[in-house]
């Protein structure tokens, strides 16, 4: 697998939850992305709305994950950014990526 330096990933609620609570549920792409972040080869953006959703998921599901521990580990990582997610940030992300292909049946 080729390593992409300076890649930036955006975590969603379930990938973050699986990474901390049940890593075997992560797909190979997410596993590779989190490994790059852990190795300092990529950065991870965690929108604060993902953290809010994580609170609700942890309240309603029988999972062994502690919100405070997840938050402290994210805050301690130098290549993780906890970010307010705005329309401007979404548009910046969209403009920096190839146009998505979508088929609606």
C-alpha atoms as a PDB file:
ATOM      1  CA  UNK A   1       0.000   0.000   0.000  1.00  0.00           C
ATOM      2  CA  UNK A   2       1.361   3.425  -0.906  1.00  0.00           C
ATOM      3  CA  UNK A   3       1.505   5.937   1.942  1.00  0.00           C
ATOM      4  CA  UNK A   4      -0.029   9.312   1.208  1.00  0.00           C
ATOM      5  CA  UNK A   5       1.844  11.987   3.148  1.00  0.00           C
ATOM      6  CA  UNK A   6      -0.043  14.983   4.478  1.00  0.00           C
ATOM      7  CA  UNK A   7      -3.417  13.388   3.802  1.00  0.00           C
ATOM      8  CA  UNK A   8      -6.339  14.803   5.726  1.00  0.00           C
ATOM      9  CA  UNK A   9      -9.214  12.604   6.764  1.00  0.00           C
ATOM     10  CA  UNK A  10     -12.563  13.564   8.276  1.00  0.00           C
ATOM     11  CA  UNK A  11     -13.990  11.141  10.838  1.00  0.00           C
ATOM     12  CA  UNK A  12     -17.648  10.290  11.021  1.00  0.00           C
ATOM     13  CA  UNK A  13     -19.317   9.079  14.187  1.00  0.00           C
ATOM     14  CA  UNK A  14     -19.288   5.378  13.467  1.00  0.00           C
ATOM     15  CA  UNK A  15     -15.720   5.168  12.209  1.00  0.00           C
ATOM     16  CA  UNK A  16     -14.572   6.980  15.343  1.00  0.00           C
ATOM     17  CA  UNK A  17     -16.679   4.742  17.557  1.00  0.00           C
ATOM     18  CA  UNK A  18     -15.443   1.552  15.897  1.00  0.00           C
ATOM     19  CA  UNK A  19     -11.834   2.751  16.091  1.00  0.00           C
ATOM     20  CA  UNK A  20     -12.045   3.176  19.851  1.00  0.00           C
ATOM     21  CA  UNK A  21     -14.566   0.468  20.815  1.00  0.00           C
ATOM     22  CA  UNK A  22     -14.552  -2.228  18.126  1.00  0.00           C
ATOM     23  CA  UNK A  23     -11.659  -1.776  15.681  1.00  0.00           C
ATOM     24  CA  UNK A  24     -12.343  -5.094  13.942  1.00  0.00           C
ATOM     25  CA  UNK A  25     -15.544  -3.534  12.538  1.00  0.00           C
ATOM     26  CA  UNK A  26     -13.565  -0.919  10.595  1.00  0.00           C
ATOM     27  CA  UNK A  27     -13.186  -1.498   6.889  1.00  0.00           C
ATOM     28  CA  UNK A  28      -9.704  -1.682   5.369  1.00  0.00           C
ATOM     29  CA  UNK A  29      -9.759   1.922   4.140  1.00  0.00           C
ATOM     30  CA  UNK A  30     -10.705   3.323   7.535  1.00  0.00           C
ATOM     31  CA  UNK A  31      -8.205   1.063   9.264  1.00  0.00           C
ATOM     32  CA  UNK A  32      -5.447   2.342   6.961  1.00  0.00           C
ATOM     33  CA  UNK A  33      -6.503   5.973   7.475  1.00  0.00           C
ATOM     34  CA  UNK A  34      -6.487   5.684  11.275  1.00  0.00           C
ATOM     35  CA  UNK A  35      -3.112   3.910  11.111  1.00  0.00           C
ATOM     36  CA  UNK A  36      -1.671   6.787   9.055  1.00  0.00           C
ATOM     37  CA  UNK A  37      -3.017   9.284  11.586  1.00  0.00           C
ATOM     38  CA  UNK A  38      -1.584   7.280  14.503  1.00  0.00           C
ATOM     39  CA  UNK A  39       1.807   7.131  12.747  1.00  0.00           C
ATOM     40  CA  UNK A  40       1.815  10.889  12.140  1.00  0.00           C
ATOM     41  CA  UNK A  41       1.588  10.434   8.364  1.00  0.00           C
ATOM     42  CA  UNK A  42      -1.860  12.064   8.058  1.00  0.00           C
ATOM     43  CA  UNK A  43      -4.147  14.371   9.959  1.00  0.00           C
ATOM     44  CA  UNK A  44      -7.677  13.759  11.164  1.00  0.00           C
ATOM     45  CA  UNK A  45     -10.454  16.314  11.467  1.00  0.00           C
ATOM     46  CA  UNK A  46     -13.219  15.437  13.906  1.00  0.00           C
ATOM     47  CA  UNK A  47     -16.220  17.741  13.533  1.00  0.00           C
ATOM     48  CA  UNK A  48     -17.658  18.635  16.926  1.00  0.00           C
ATOM     49  CA  UNK A  49     -21.066  17.446  15.723  1.00  0.00           C
ATOM     50  CA  UNK A  50     -19.506  13.956  15.522  1.00  0.00           C
ATOM     51  CA  UNK A  51     -18.607  14.230  19.213  1.00  0.00           C
ATOM     52  CA  UNK A  52     -22.159  15.301  20.032  1.00  0.00           C
ATOM     53  CA  UNK A  53     -23.575  12.341  18.127  1.00  0.00           C
ATOM     54  CA  UNK A  54     -21.098  10.053  19.864  1.00  0.00           C
ATOM     55  CA  UNK A  55     -22.594  11.031  23.223  1.00  0.00           C
ATOM     56  CA  UNK A  56     -26.061   9.971  22.051  1.00  0.00           C
ATOM     57  CA  UNK A  57     -24.816   6.719  20.526  1.00  0.00           C
ATOM     58  CA  UNK A  58     -22.943   5.770  23.692  1.00  0.00           C
ATOM     59  CA  UNK A  59     -26.061   6.475  25.777  1.00  0.00           C
ATOM     60  CA  UNK A  60     -28.248   4.246  23.630  1.00  0.00           C
ATOM     61  CA  UNK A  61     -25.937   1.337  22.726  1.00  0.00           C
ATOM     62  CA  UNK A  62     -24.251  -1.241  24.934  1.00  0.00           C
ATOM     63  CA  UNK A  63     -20.690  -0.393  23.895  1.00  0.00           C
ATOM     64  CA  UNK A  64     -17.545  -0.330  25.953  1.00  0.00           C
ATOM     65  CA  UNK A  65     -16.306   3.144  25.131  1.00  0.00           C
ATOM     66  CA  UNK A  66     -15.906   6.071  27.483  1.00  0.00           C
ATOM     67  CA  UNK A  67     -16.633   9.488  25.976  1.00  0.00           C
ATOM     68  CA  UNK A  68     -14.194  11.313  28.255  1.00  0.00           C
ATOM     69  CA  UNK A  69     -11.407   8.886  27.366  1.00  0.00           C
ATOM     70  CA  UNK A  70     -12.122   9.210  23.628  1.00  0.00           C
ATOM     71  CA  UNK A  71     -12.133  13.004  23.913  1.00  0.00           C
ATOM     72  CA  UNK A  72      -8.902  13.119  25.912  1.00  0.00           C
ATOM     73  CA  UNK A  73      -7.127  10.831  23.425  1.00  0.00           C
ATOM     74  CA  UNK A  74      -8.278  12.979  20.519  1.00  0.00           C
ATOM     75  CA  UNK A  75      -7.187  16.173  22.261  1.00  0.00           C
ATOM     76  CA  UNK A  76      -3.780  14.666  23.086  1.00  0.00           C
ATOM     77  CA  UNK A  77      -3.035  13.754  19.475  1.00  0.00           C
ATOM     78  CA  UNK A  78      -1.025  16.468  17.677  1.00  0.00           C
ATOM     79  CA  UNK A  79      -2.472  15.552  14.286  1.00  0.00           C
ATOM     80  CA  UNK A  80      -6.142  15.527  15.296  1.00  0.00           C
ATOM     81  CA  UNK A  81      -8.194  18.693  14.974  1.00  0.00           C
ATOM     82  CA  UNK A  82     -11.549  19.093  16.678  1.00  0.00           C
ATOM     83  CA  UNK A  83     -13.352  21.477  14.387  1.00  0.00           C
ATOM     84  CA  UNK A  84     -16.581  23.326  14.052  1.00  0.00           C
ATOM     85  CA  UNK A  85     -17.953  22.171  10.741  1.00  0.00           C
ATOM     86  CA  UNK A  86     -19.293  24.984   8.635  1.00  0.00           C
ATOM     87  CA  UNK A  87     -20.681  25.336   5.153  1.00  0.00           C
ATOM     88  CA  UNK A  88     -17.480  27.126   4.132  1.00  0.00           C
ATOM     89  CA  UNK A  89     -15.372  24.179   5.326  1.00  0.00           C
ATOM     90  CA  UNK A  90     -17.651  21.763   3.441  1.00  0.00           C
ATOM     91  CA  UNK A  91     -17.284  23.791   0.247  1.00  0.00           C
ATOM     92  CA  UNK A  92     -13.485  23.914   0.689  1.00  0.00           C
ATOM     93  CA  UNK A  93     -13.442  20.135   1.054  1.00  0.00           C
ATOM     94  CA  UNK A  94     -15.675  19.672  -1.993  1.00  0.00           C
ATOM     95  CA  UNK A  95     -13.453  21.927  -4.111  1.00  0.00           C
ATOM     96  CA  UNK A  96     -10.305  20.073  -3.083  1.00  0.00           C
ATOM     97  CA  UNK A  97     -11.618  16.666  -4.166  1.00  0.00           C
ATOM     98  CA  UNK A  98     -12.471  15.125  -7.519  1.00  0.00           C
ATOM     99  CA  UNK A  99     -16.129  15.513  -8.394  1.00  0.00           C
ATOM    100  CA  UNK A 100     -18.119  12.744  -6.727  1.00  0.00           C
ATOM    101  CA  UNK A 101     -19.903  10.284  -8.971  1.00  0.00           C
ATOM    102  CA  UNK A 102     -23.460   9.514  -7.976  1.00  0.00           C
ATOM    103  CA  UNK A 103     -26.020   7.309  -9.650  1.00  0.00           C
ATOM    104  CA  UNK A 104     -29.612   7.575  -8.563  1.00  0.00           C
ATOM    105  CA  UNK A 105     -31.726   4.654  -9.658  1.00  0.00           C
END
